[in-house]
Amino acid sequence: MKKLVSLEDAVSRIPDGAVLMIGGFMGAGTPPRLIDELVRQGRRDLTVIGNDTARPGVGIGKLIAARLVRRVVTSHIGTNPETQRQMIAGETEVELVPQGTLAERIRAAGFGLGGVLTPTGVGTVVAEGKRTVEVDGRDFLLEPPLRADFALISARRADYRGNLEFALTSRNFNPLMAMAAGTVIAEAEDIVPVGVIPPDSVGVPNVLVDHLVAKEHRHG
């Protein structure tokens, strides 16, 4: 299958109402062109799973500002007043999840697990409506796995087969999300021939990547 596709083609595969995982941490490691194209094509009623909603005009914040998101599952909205406003007004449903729990719920989906046991939130409002499991005399919450229809991720480099390399901490949630979604669309700053990326630098192998979008340069 040809993985390198146009930006427009990649985003056209995403329907209204889709569940999206979007990589990044306050915009770092977030796929900017894919997000801009989502806004341009006007996808609606999206559920977005991501570490945060960034800031107005940055990363996931663009989708929030364009009123394209029906529900967001995230660990932090404190830097985006528009997310807060929409939540308070009842315009957007917000599920706040502790950051470590969010990562483990995504990982659980990718590994095919039934959930994750965590002590975080026991005895607080976080525990309301959730199952508590006792292990060796200690209580844990059973948190369900998080899955998505699509993962939109960002890489520093990709080869033509779809192997991805990340720049330092910009990898953040991207590799986890690539394992937890039905379809993975990756945006890369640079596309290089197969063999250029050292095997031990591959953060996401090509078998997980369905579609690849070039951000800037192509070689070979």
Protein backbone atom coordinates (compact mmCIF):
# COMPACT_ATOMS: atom_id res chain seq x y z
CA MET A 1 0.00 0.00 0.00
CA LYS A 2 1.26 3.46 -0.87
CA LYS A 3 1.56 5.29 2.44
CA LEU A 4 2.61 8.76 1.26
CA VAL A 5 -0.56 10.71 0.51
CA SER A 6 -1.55 14.34 0.16
CA LEU A 7 -2.62 16.32 3.19
CA GLU A 8 -6.11 16.75 1.79
CA ASP A 9 -6.49 13.04 1.07
CA ALA A 10 -5.30 12.02 4.52
CA VAL A 11 -7.77 14.23 6.36
CA SER A 12 -10.64 13.42 3.99
CA ARG A 13 -10.57 9.89 5.41
CA ILE A 14 -11.67 11.20 8.82
CA PRO A 15 -15.47 11.41 9.15
CA ASP A 16 -17.54 13.70 11.33
CA GLY A 17 -17.97 12.22 14.80
CA ALA A 18 -14.63 10.39 14.74
CA VAL A 19 -12.62 9.67 17.88
CA LEU A 20 -9.12 11.11 17.46
CA MET A 21 -5.93 10.74 19.44
CA ILE A 22 -3.61 13.68 18.80
CA GLY A 23 -0.01 13.53 19.95
CA GLY A 24 1.85 16.38 21.57
CA PHE A 25 2.54 18.22 24.78
CA MET A 26 1.51 21.89 24.70
CA GLY A 27 1.93 21.82 20.94
CA ALA A 28 5.34 20.12 20.90
CA GLY A 29 4.98 16.91 18.95
CA THR A 30 1.55 17.89 17.64
CA PRO A 31 0.94 17.57 13.85
CA PRO A 32 0.21 21.19 12.83
CA ARG A 33 -0.68 20.64 9.18
CA LEU A 34 -3.11 17.83 9.95
CA ILE A 35 -4.84 20.00 12.54
CA ASP A 36 -5.02 22.97 10.17
CA GLU A 37 -6.52 20.75 7.47
CA LEU A 38 -9.11 19.39 9.90
CA VAL A 39 -10.16 22.97 10.54
CA ARG A 40 -10.19 23.79 6.82
CA GLN A 41 -12.32 20.76 5.96
CA GLY A 42 -14.61 21.51 8.89
CA ARG A 43 -14.86 18.12 10.57
CA ARG A 44 -17.53 18.23 13.29
CA ASP A 45 -18.53 16.50 16.52
CA LEU A 46 -15.05 15.13 17.14
CA THR A 47 -13.92 13.39 20.29
CA VAL A 48 -10.29 14.33 20.93
CA ILE A 49 -7.95 12.44 23.24
CA GLY A 50 -4.75 14.32 24.03
CA ASN A 51 -2.48 15.34 26.86
CA ASP A 52 -3.79 18.92 26.89
CA THR A 53 -5.70 21.45 24.83
CA ALA A 54 -2.62 23.66 24.53
CA ARG A 55 -3.31 27.37 24.14
CA PRO A 56 -5.67 29.34 21.89
CA GLY A 57 -4.35 29.10 18.34
CA VAL A 58 -1.94 26.27 19.15
CA GLY A 59 -2.35 22.54 18.45
CA ILE A 60 -5.61 21.08 19.71
CA GLY A 61 -6.54 24.61 20.77
CA LYS A 62 -7.30 25.37 17.10
CA LEU A 63 -9.92 22.63 16.98
CA ILE A 64 -11.46 23.91 20.22
CA ALA A 65 -11.60 27.48 18.92
CA ALA A 66 -13.23 26.35 15.67
CA ARG A 67 -15.96 24.55 17.69
CA LEU A 68 -15.21 21.22 16.04
CA VAL A 69 -14.86 19.21 19.26
CA ARG A 70 -17.84 17.65 21.04
CA ARG A 71 -15.83 15.86 23.73
CA VAL A 72 -12.25 16.00 24.94
CA VAL A 73 -10.37 13.54 27.16
CA THR A 74 -7.30 15.26 28.54
CA SER A 75 -5.14 15.89 31.57
CA HIS A 76 -4.93 19.69 31.45
CA ILE A 77 -6.98 22.63 30.18
CA GLY A 78 -5.55 25.35 32.42
CA THR A 79 -3.71 27.18 29.63
CA ASN A 80 -6.70 27.36 27.29
CA PRO A 81 -9.45 29.72 28.48
CA GLU A 82 -11.66 28.78 25.53
CA THR A 83 -11.74 25.13 26.58
CA GLN A 84 -12.68 26.24 30.08
CA ARG A 85 -15.41 28.53 28.76
CA GLN A 86 -16.93 25.82 26.56
CA MET A 87 -16.85 23.32 29.42
CA ILE A 88 -18.56 25.69 31.86
CA ALA A 89 -21.16 26.64 29.24
CA GLY A 90 -21.90 22.98 28.55
CA GLU A 91 -20.84 23.32 24.91
CA THR A 92 -18.01 20.78 25.10
CA GLU A 93 -17.80 17.73 27.35
CA VAL A 94 -14.46 17.54 29.16
CA GLU A 95 -13.16 14.42 30.91
CA LEU A 96 -10.12 15.32 33.00
CA VAL A 97 -7.76 12.42 33.59
CA PRO A 98 -4.52 12.47 35.61
CA GLN A 99 -1.62 12.53 33.16
CA GLY A 100 -0.08 9.22 34.19
CA THR A 101 -3.48 7.53 34.12
CA LEU A 102 -4.15 8.96 30.66
CA ALA A 103 -0.90 7.51 29.34
CA GLU A 104 -1.57 4.11 30.89
CA ARG A 105 -5.14 3.96 29.58
CA ILE A 106 -3.82 4.58 26.07
CA ARG A 107 -1.07 2.02 26.58
CA ALA A 108 -3.63 -0.53 27.84
CA ALA A 109 -5.60 -0.17 24.61
CA GLY A 110 -2.48 -0.61 22.52
CA PHE A 111 -1.48 -3.73 24.41
CA GLY A 112 -4.97 -5.22 24.24
CA LEU A 113 -5.49 -5.08 28.00
CA GLY A 114 -8.82 -4.75 29.77
CA GLY A 115 -7.76 -1.68 31.73
CA VAL A 116 -5.20 -0.43 34.22
CA LEU A 117 -5.16 -0.45 38.03
CA THR A 118 -4.05 2.82 39.58
CA PRO A 119 -4.09 4.28 43.10
CA THR A 120 -4.43 7.78 41.67
CA GLY A 121 -7.84 9.22 42.51
CA VAL A 122 -8.86 6.67 45.15
CA GLY A 123 -11.06 8.41 47.74
CA THR A 124 -11.63 11.48 45.53
CA VAL A 125 -14.25 12.61 43.01
CA VAL A 126 -12.15 10.85 40.37
CA ALA A 127 -13.33 7.53 41.83
CA GLU A 128 -17.04 8.28 41.47
CA GLY A 129 -18.75 5.65 39.33
CA LYS A 130 -15.59 3.59 38.92
CA ARG A 131 -14.81 0.09 40.10
CA THR A 132 -12.39 -0.25 43.02
CA VAL A 133 -10.18 -3.33 43.24
CA GLU A 134 -8.28 -4.36 46.37
CA VAL A 135 -4.80 -5.82 45.84
CA ASP A 136 -2.72 -6.87 48.86
CA GLY A 137 -4.83 -4.70 51.12
CA ARG A 138 -4.55 -1.59 48.96
CA ASP A 139 -7.35 -0.04 46.88
CA PHE A 140 -6.93 0.70 43.19
CA LEU A 141 -9.24 2.19 40.57
CA LEU A 142 -9.87 0.12 37.46
CA GLU A 143 -9.51 2.57 34.58
CA PRO A 144 -10.74 1.42 31.15
CA PRO A 145 -8.51 1.48 28.06
CA LEU A 146 -8.74 4.42 25.68
CA ARG A 147 -9.06 3.62 21.98
CA ALA A 148 -9.49 5.87 18.96
CA ASP A 149 -10.60 5.62 15.36
CA PHE A 150 -7.59 7.65 14.22
CA ALA A 151 -4.27 8.72 15.72
CA LEU A 152 -2.74 11.90 14.31
CA ILE A 153 0.94 11.97 15.18
CA SER A 154 4.00 14.03 14.35
CA ALA A 155 7.55 12.86 13.63
CA ARG A 156 10.84 14.55 12.82
CA ARG A 157 11.65 12.09 10.03
CA ALA A 158 9.96 9.23 8.24
CA ASP A 159 11.11 6.91 5.51
CA TYR A 160 8.94 5.93 2.57
CA ARG A 161 7.78 2.76 4.29
CA GLY A 162 6.49 4.76 7.26
CA ASN A 163 9.13 4.15 9.92
CA LEU A 164 9.12 7.20 12.20
CA GLU A 165 11.86 8.97 14.13
CA PHE A 166 11.11 11.57 16.81
CA ALA A 167 13.07 14.53 18.09
CA LEU A 168 13.85 14.16 21.78
CA THR A 169 10.84 14.76 24.04
CA SER A 170 8.55 15.65 21.13
CA ARG A 171 7.87 11.91 20.92
CA ASN A 172 5.77 12.19 24.16
CA PHE A 173 2.38 10.51 23.56
CA ASN A 174 2.92 9.80 19.85
CA PRO A 175 4.24 6.20 20.03
CA LEU A 176 1.57 5.17 22.55
CA MET A 177 -1.21 6.59 20.39
CA ALA A 178 0.08 4.82 17.30
CA MET A 179 -0.67 1.52 19.02
CA ALA A 180 -4.14 2.46 20.28
CA ALA A 181 -5.94 3.63 17.13
CA GLY A 182 -7.54 1.86 14.20
CA THR A 183 -5.84 4.12 11.64
CA VAL A 184 -2.60 6.06 12.10
CA ILE A 185 -1.87 9.20 10.08
CA ALA A 186 1.64 10.54 10.58
CA GLU A 187 2.97 13.96 9.61
CA ALA A 188 6.74 14.14 9.16
CA GLU A 189 9.00 17.14 8.77
CA ASP A 190 11.30 15.19 6.46
CA ILE A 191 10.80 12.12 4.25
CA VAL A 192 13.96 10.11 3.58
CA PRO A 193 14.84 6.88 1.75
CA VAL A 194 14.53 3.56 3.54
CA GLY A 195 17.71 2.82 5.48
CA VAL A 196 18.58 6.42 6.36
CA ILE A 197 16.94 6.23 9.78
CA PRO A 198 19.02 3.94 12.03
CA PRO A 199 16.96 0.98 13.30
CA ASP A 200 17.55 1.93 16.94
CA SER A 201 16.17 5.43 16.23
CA VAL A 202 12.80 4.19 14.98
CA GLY A 203 10.17 5.27 17.50
CA VAL A 204 7.18 3.88 15.60
CA PRO A 205 7.64 1.02 13.10
CA ASN A 206 6.04 1.15 9.68
CA VAL A 207 3.58 -1.65 10.45
CA LEU A 208 1.64 0.77 12.67
CA VAL A 209 1.50 3.64 10.15
CA ASP A 210 -1.31 3.68 7.58
CA HIS A 211 -0.85 7.07 5.93
CA LEU A 212 2.08 9.47 5.77
CA VAL A 213 2.00 13.20 5.06
CA ALA A 214 5.12 15.21 4.26
CA LYS A 215 5.47 18.48 6.14
CA GLU A 216 8.41 19.99 4.32
CA HIS A 217 11.13 18.09 2.51
CA ARG A 218 11.45 14.82 0.61
CA HIS A 219 14.69 13.10 -0.31
CA GLY A 220 15.25 10.22 -2.70
